[in-house]
């Protein structure tokens, strides 16, 4: 019998802003972020198709500190 799990890593800075990263049982890492609107996608000349999120500096700092 296989087990499935998800681990949530939550990092809070001194202003209590929280960012989350999810580690899934199939080896993926899912980051919490803000959805990118079609207008932002056009303005940034991002490729069509596929979902994208915007990750702020707080989440990048959280990743660095957790490593």
PDB file of N, CA and C in Angstrom:
ATOM      1  N   UNK A   1       0.851  -1.168   0.000  1.00  0.00           N
ATOM      2  CA  UNK A   1       0.000   0.000   0.000  1.00  0.00           C
ATOM      3  C   UNK A   1       0.902   1.238   0.000  1.00  0.00           C
ATOM      4  N   UNK A   2       0.690   2.142  -0.965  1.00  0.00           N
ATOM      5  CA  UNK A   2       1.479   3.363  -1.043  1.00  0.00           C
ATOM      6  C   UNK A   2       0.864   4.479  -0.211  1.00  0.00           C
ATOM      7  N   UNK A   3       1.712   5.296   0.302  1.00  0.00           N
ATOM      8  CA  UNK A   3       1.250   6.443   1.068  1.00  0.00           C
ATOM      9  C   UNK A   3       1.390   7.698   0.231  1.00  0.00           C
ATOM     10  N   UNK A   4       0.432   8.590   0.345  1.00  0.00           N
ATOM     11  CA  UNK A   4       0.518   9.881  -0.326  1.00  0.00           C
ATOM     12  C   UNK A   4       0.609  10.943   0.756  1.00  0.00           C
ATOM     13  N   UNK A   5       1.426  11.941   0.521  1.00  0.00           N
ATOM     14  CA  UNK A   5       1.584  12.989   1.513  1.00  0.00           C
ATOM     15  C   UNK A   5       1.844  14.317   0.833  1.00  0.00           C
ATOM     16  N   UNK A   6       1.653  15.362   1.589  1.00  0.00           N
ATOM     17  CA  UNK A   6       2.003  16.704   1.153  1.00  0.00           C
ATOM     18  C   UNK A   6       2.580  17.421   2.367  1.00  0.00           C
ATOM     19  N   UNK A   7       3.691  18.066   2.182  1.00  0.00           N
ATOM     20  CA  UNK A   7       4.325  18.817   3.257  1.00  0.00           C
ATOM     21  C   UNK A   7       4.206  20.291   2.911  1.00  0.00           C
ATOM     22  N   UNK A   8       3.752  21.083   3.849  1.00  0.00           N
ATOM     23  CA  UNK A   8       3.677  22.525   3.636  1.00  0.00           C
ATOM     24  C   UNK A   8       4.756  23.195   4.472  1.00  0.00           C
ATOM     25  N   UNK A   9       5.623  23.949   3.808  1.00  0.00           N
ATOM     26  CA  UNK A   9       6.643  24.723   4.501  1.00  0.00           C
ATOM     27  C   UNK A   9       6.168  26.169   4.530  1.00  0.00           C
ATOM     28  N   UNK A  10       6.034  26.721   5.710  1.00  0.00           N
ATOM     29  CA  UNK A  10       5.558  28.097   5.848  1.00  0.00           C
ATOM     30  C   UNK A  10       6.663  28.924   6.468  1.00  0.00           C
ATOM     31  N   UNK A  11       6.945  30.046   5.854  1.00  0.00           N
ATOM     32  CA  UNK A  11       7.973  30.955   6.339  1.00  0.00           C
ATOM     33  C   UNK A  11       7.317  32.294   6.615  1.00  0.00           C
ATOM     34  N   UNK A  12       7.529  32.842   7.795  1.00  0.00           N
ATOM     35  CA  UNK A  12       6.994  34.142   8.152  1.00  0.00           C
ATOM     36  C   UNK A  12       8.138  35.078   8.445  1.00  0.00           C
ATOM     37  N   UNK A  13       8.039  36.308   7.897  1.00  0.00           N
ATOM     38  CA  UNK A  13       9.077  37.293   8.184  1.00  0.00           C
ATOM     39  C   UNK A  13       8.671  38.139   9.379  1.00  0.00           C
ATOM     40  N   UNK A  14       9.465  39.146   9.653  1.00  0.00           N
ATOM     41  CA  UNK A  14       9.201  39.968  10.843  1.00  0.00           C
ATOM     42  C   UNK A  14       7.884  40.742  10.761  1.00  0.00           C
ATOM     43  N   UNK A  15       7.293  40.871   9.572  1.00  0.00           N
ATOM     44  CA  UNK A  15       6.002  41.554   9.439  1.00  0.00           C
ATOM     45  C   UNK A  15       4.845  40.570   9.420  1.00  0.00           C
ATOM     46  N   UNK A  16       5.113  39.297   9.712  1.00  0.00           N
ATOM     47  CA  UNK A  16       4.117  38.219   9.720  1.00  0.00           C
ATOM     48  C   UNK A  16       3.531  37.929   8.347  1.00  0.00           C
ATOM     49  N   UNK A  17       4.248  38.302   7.273  1.00  0.00           N
ATOM     50  CA  UNK A  17       3.828  37.894   5.935  1.00  0.00           C
ATOM     51  C   UNK A  17       4.269  36.450   5.747  1.00  0.00           C
ATOM     52  N   UNK A  18       3.356  35.602   5.332  1.00  0.00           N
ATOM     53  CA  UNK A  18       3.666  34.182   5.197  1.00  0.00           C
ATOM     54  C   UNK A  18       3.717  33.778   3.732  1.00  0.00           C
ATOM     55  N   UNK A  19       4.666  32.936   3.404  1.00  0.00           N
ATOM     56  CA  UNK A  19       4.771  32.336   2.080  1.00  0.00           C
ATOM     57  C   UNK A  19       4.820  30.835   2.281  1.00  0.00           C
ATOM     58  N   UNK A  20       4.225  30.092   1.346  1.00  0.00           N
ATOM     59  CA  UNK A  20       4.187  28.637   1.491  1.00  0.00           C
ATOM     60  C   UNK A  20       4.767  27.945   0.274  1.00  0.00           C
ATOM     61  N   UNK A  21       5.404  26.805   0.540  1.00  0.00           N
ATOM     62  CA  UNK A  21       5.880  25.892  -0.488  1.00  0.00           C
ATOM     63  C   UNK A  21       5.331  24.526  -0.126  1.00  0.00           C
ATOM     64  N   UNK A  22       4.834  23.802  -1.107  1.00  0.00           N
ATOM     65  CA  UNK A  22       4.272  22.477  -0.870  1.00  0.00           C
ATOM     66  C   UNK A  22       5.146  21.441  -1.546  1.00  0.00           C
ATOM     67  N   UNK A  23       5.535  20.431  -0.803  1.00  0.00           N
ATOM     68  CA  UNK A  23       6.295  19.312  -1.337  1.00  0.00           C
ATOM     69  C   UNK A  23       5.329  18.143  -1.459  1.00  0.00           C
ATOM     70  N   UNK A  24       5.142  17.627  -2.672  1.00  0.00           N
ATOM     71  CA  UNK A  24       4.157  16.575  -2.896  1.00  0.00           C
ATOM     72  C   UNK A  24       4.825  15.207  -2.952  1.00  0.00           C
ATOM     73  N   UNK A  25       4.016  14.171  -2.795  1.00  0.00           N
ATOM     74  CA  UNK A  25       4.553  12.817  -2.749  1.00  0.00           C
ATOM     75  C   UNK A  25       5.162  12.377  -4.068  1.00  0.00           C
ATOM     76  N   UNK A  26       4.805  13.039  -5.170  1.00  0.00           N
ATOM     77  CA  UNK A  26       5.391  12.659  -6.459  1.00  0.00           C
ATOM     78  C   UNK A  26       6.635  13.474  -6.794  1.00  0.00           C
ATOM     79  N   UNK A  27       7.156  14.210  -5.807  1.00  0.00           N
ATOM     80  CA  UNK A  27       8.421  14.911  -5.980  1.00  0.00           C
ATOM     81  C   UNK A  27       8.318  16.339  -6.492  1.00  0.00           C
ATOM     82  N   UNK A  28       7.118  16.845  -6.682  1.00  0.00           N
ATOM     83  CA  UNK A  28       6.972  18.217  -7.164  1.00  0.00           C
ATOM     84  C   UNK A  28       7.055  19.207  -6.018  1.00  0.00           C
ATOM     85  N   UNK A  29       7.426  20.428  -6.352  1.00  0.00           N
ATOM     86  CA  UNK A  29       7.405  21.538  -5.412  1.00  0.00           C
ATOM     87  C   UNK A  29       6.432  22.557  -5.974  1.00  0.00           C
ATOM     88  N   UNK A  30       5.429  22.932  -5.191  1.00  0.00           N
ATOM     89  CA  UNK A  30       4.423  23.887  -5.613  1.00  0.00           C
ATOM     90  C   UNK A  30       4.592  25.138  -4.761  1.00  0.00           C
ATOM     91  N   UNK A  31       4.741  26.281  -5.421  1.00  0.00           N
ATOM     92  CA  UNK A  31       4.936  27.540  -4.714  1.00  0.00           C
ATOM     93  C   UNK A  31       3.640  28.324  -4.658  1.00  0.00           C
ATOM     94  N   UNK A  32       3.437  29.018  -3.552  1.00  0.00           N
ATOM     95  CA  UNK A  32       2.302  29.916  -3.428  1.00  0.00           C
ATOM     96  C   UNK A  32       2.695  31.224  -4.098  1.00  0.00           C
ATOM     97  N   UNK A  33       1.830  31.758  -4.907  1.00  0.00           N
ATOM     98  CA  UNK A  33       2.126  33.022  -5.576  1.00  0.00           C
ATOM     99  C   UNK A  33       0.860  33.690  -6.062  1.00  0.00           C
ATOM    100  N   UNK A  34       1.035  34.811  -6.734  1.00  0.00           N
ATOM    101  CA  UNK A  34      -0.087  35.572  -7.262  1.00  0.00           C
ATOM    102  C   UNK A  34      -0.221  35.254  -8.743  1.00  0.00           C
ATOM    103  N   UNK A  35      -1.456  35.003  -9.185  1.00  0.00           N
ATOM    104  CA  UNK A  35      -1.693  34.692 -10.595  1.00  0.00           C
ATOM    105  C   UNK A  35      -1.314  35.888 -11.461  1.00  0.00           C
ATOM    106  N   UNK A  36      -0.782  35.593 -12.650  1.00  0.00           N
ATOM    107  CA  UNK A  36      -0.412  36.649 -13.593  1.00  0.00           C
ATOM    108  C   UNK A  36      -1.574  36.852 -14.554  1.00  0.00           C
ATOM    109  N   UNK A  37      -2.028  38.081 -14.666  1.00  0.00           N
ATOM    110  CA  UNK A  37      -3.163  38.397 -15.533  1.00  0.00           C
ATOM    111  C   UNK A  37      -2.732  38.382 -16.999  1.00  0.00           C
ATOM    112  N   UNK A  38      -3.696  38.239 -17.920  1.00  0.00           N
ATOM    113  CA  UNK A  38      -3.358  38.296 -19.349  1.00  0.00           C
ATOM    114  C   UNK A  38      -2.676  39.616 -19.737  1.00  0.00           C
ATOM    115  N   UNK A  39      -3.073  40.720 -19.132  1.00  0.00           N
ATOM    116  CA  UNK A  39      -2.456  42.018 -19.439  1.00  0.00           C
ATOM    117  C   UNK A  39      -0.989  42.030 -19.004  1.00  0.00           C
ATOM    118  N   UNK A  40      -0.697  41.483 -17.802  1.00  0.00           N
ATOM    119  CA  UNK A  40       0.688  41.411 -17.338  1.00  0.00           C
ATOM    120  C   UNK A  40       1.509  40.484 -18.226  1.00  0.00           C
ATOM    121  N   UNK A  41       0.902  39.391 -18.656  1.00  0.00           N
ATOM    122  CA  UNK A  41       1.590  38.440 -19.537  1.00  0.00           C
ATOM    123  C   UNK A  41       1.995  39.135 -20.835  1.00  0.00           C
ATOM    124  N   UNK A  42       1.070  39.924 -21.399  1.00  0.00           N
ATOM    125  CA  UNK A  42       1.379  40.669 -22.623  1.00  0.00           C
ATOM    126  C   UNK A  42       2.457  41.721 -22.380  1.00  0.00           C
ATOM    127  N   UNK A  43       2.327  42.480 -21.285  1.00  0.00           N
ATOM    128  CA  UNK A  43       3.284  43.554 -20.989  1.00  0.00           C
ATOM    129  C   UNK A  43       4.696  43.011 -20.770  1.00  0.00           C
ATOM    130  N   UNK A  44       4.799  41.817 -20.190  1.00  0.00           N
ATOM    131  CA  UNK A  44       6.105  41.216 -19.918  1.00  0.00           C
ATOM    132  C   UNK A  44       6.586  40.312 -21.049  1.00  0.00           C
ATOM    133  N   UNK A  45       5.782  40.202 -22.115  1.00  0.00           N
ATOM    134  CA  UNK A  45       6.098  39.349 -23.268  1.00  0.00           C
ATOM    135  C   UNK A  45       6.369  37.905 -22.843  1.00  0.00           C
ATOM    136  N   UNK A  46       5.528  37.397 -21.936  1.00  0.00           N
ATOM    137  CA  UNK A  46       5.668  36.014 -21.476  1.00  0.00           C
ATOM    138  C   UNK A  46       5.019  35.075 -22.488  1.00  0.00           C
ATOM    139  N   UNK A  47       5.483  33.838 -22.587  1.00  0.00           N
ATOM    140  CA  UNK A  47       4.927  32.905 -23.569  1.00  0.00           C
ATOM    141  C   UNK A  47       3.466  32.580 -23.295  1.00  0.00           C
ATOM    142  N   UNK A  48       2.749  32.281 -24.374  1.00  0.00           N
ATOM    143  CA  UNK A  48       1.348  31.874 -24.269  1.00  0.00           C
ATOM    144  C   UNK A  48       1.254  30.471 -23.687  1.00  0.00           C
ATOM    145  N   UNK A  49       0.139  30.168 -23.096  1.00  0.00           N
ATOM    146  CA  UNK A  49      -0.117  28.819 -22.596  1.00  0.00           C
ATOM    147  C   UNK A  49       0.589  28.553 -21.279  1.00  0.00           C
ATOM    148  N   UNK A  50       0.041  27.644 -20.523  1.00  0.00           N
ATOM    149  CA  UNK A  50       0.625  27.290 -19.230  1.00  0.00           C
ATOM    150  C   UNK A  50       0.300  28.332 -18.182  1.00  0.00           C
ATOM    151  N   UNK A  51       0.056  27.868 -16.999  1.00  0.00           N
ATOM    152  CA  UNK A  51      -0.234  28.768 -15.889  1.00  0.00           C
ATOM    153  C   UNK A  51       1.063  29.319 -15.332  1.00  0.00           C
ATOM    154  N   UNK A  52       1.042  30.580 -14.949  1.00  0.00           N
ATOM    155  CA  UNK A  52       2.216  31.209 -14.347  1.00  0.00           C
ATOM    156  C   UNK A  52       1.784  31.954 -13.101  1.00  0.00           C
ATOM    157  N   UNK A  53       2.722  32.038 -12.155  1.00  0.00           N
ATOM    158  CA  UNK A  53       2.484  32.836 -10.963  1.00  0.00           C
ATOM    159  C   UNK A  53       3.630  33.811 -10.794  1.00  0.00           C
ATOM    160  N   UNK A  54       3.369  34.865 -10.078  1.00  0.00           N
ATOM    161  CA  UNK A  54       4.400  35.829  -9.735  1.00  0.00           C
ATOM    162  C   UNK A  54       4.848  35.543  -8.314  1.00  0.00           C
ATOM    163  N   UNK A  55       6.137  35.363  -8.129  1.00  0.00           N
ATOM    164  CA  UNK A  55       6.700  35.074  -6.810  1.00  0.00           C
ATOM    165  C   UNK A  55       7.462  36.304  -6.359  1.00  0.00           C
ATOM    166  N   UNK A  56       7.142  36.795  -5.167  1.00  0.00           N
ATOM    167  CA  UNK A  56       7.796  38.011  -4.678  1.00  0.00           C
ATOM    168  C   UNK A  56       9.110  37.706  -3.962  1.00  0.00           C
ATOM    169  N   UNK A  57       9.810  38.737  -3.606  1.00  0.00           N
ATOM    170  CA  UNK A  57      11.112  38.593  -2.953  1.00  0.00           C
ATOM    171  C   UNK A  57      11.015  37.870  -1.609  1.00  0.00           C
ATOM    172  N   UNK A  58       9.886  38.012  -0.928  1.00  0.00           N
ATOM    173  CA  UNK A  58       9.729  37.332   0.364  1.00  0.00           C
ATOM    174  C   UNK A  58       9.790  35.820   0.206  1.00  0.00           C
ATOM    175  N   UNK A  59       9.155  35.291  -0.854  1.00  0.00           N
ATOM    176  CA  UNK A  59       9.199  33.848  -1.055  1.00  0.00           C
ATOM    177  C   UNK A  59      10.601  33.400  -1.448  1.00  0.00           C
ATOM    178  N   UNK A  60      11.285  34.177  -2.264  1.00  0.00           N
ATOM    179  CA  UNK A  60      12.666  33.836  -2.622  1.00  0.00           C
ATOM    180  C   UNK A  60      13.542  33.844  -1.382  1.00  0.00           C
ATOM    181  N   UNK A  61      13.377  34.840  -0.513  1.00  0.00           N
ATOM    182  CA  UNK A  61      14.136  34.895   0.745  1.00  0.00           C
ATOM    183  C   UNK A  61      13.809  33.683   1.614  1.00  0.00           C
ATOM    184  N   UNK A  62      12.526  33.282   1.640  1.00  0.00           N
ATOM    185  CA  UNK A  62      12.126  32.119   2.436  1.00  0.00           C
ATOM    186  C   UNK A  62      12.814  30.866   1.931  1.00  0.00           C
ATOM    187  N   UNK A  63      12.872  30.692   0.607  1.00  0.00           N
ATOM    188  CA  UNK A  63      13.539  29.526   0.041  1.00  0.00           C
ATOM    189  C   UNK A  63      15.010  29.511   0.426  1.00  0.00           C
ATOM    190  N   UNK A  64      15.668  30.653   0.309  1.00  0.00           N
ATOM    191  CA  UNK A  64      17.087  30.730   0.664  1.00  0.00           C
ATOM    192  C   UNK A  64      17.316  30.389   2.131  1.00  0.00           C
ATOM    193  N   UNK A  65      16.444  30.890   3.022  1.00  0.00           N
ATOM    194  CA  UNK A  65      16.624  30.623   4.452  1.00  0.00           C
ATOM    195  C   UNK A  65      16.326  29.174   4.814  1.00  0.00           C
ATOM    196  N   UNK A  66      15.370  28.553   4.099  1.00  0.00           N
ATOM    197  CA  UNK A  66      15.048  27.158   4.391  1.00  0.00           C
ATOM    198  C   UNK A  66      16.132  26.212   3.903  1.00  0.00           C
ATOM    199  N   UNK A  67      16.899  26.646   2.899  1.00  0.00           N
ATOM    200  CA  UNK A  67      17.992  25.809   2.415  1.00  0.00           C
ATOM    201  C   UNK A  67      19.159  25.939   3.347  1.00  0.00           C
TER     202      UNK A  67
END
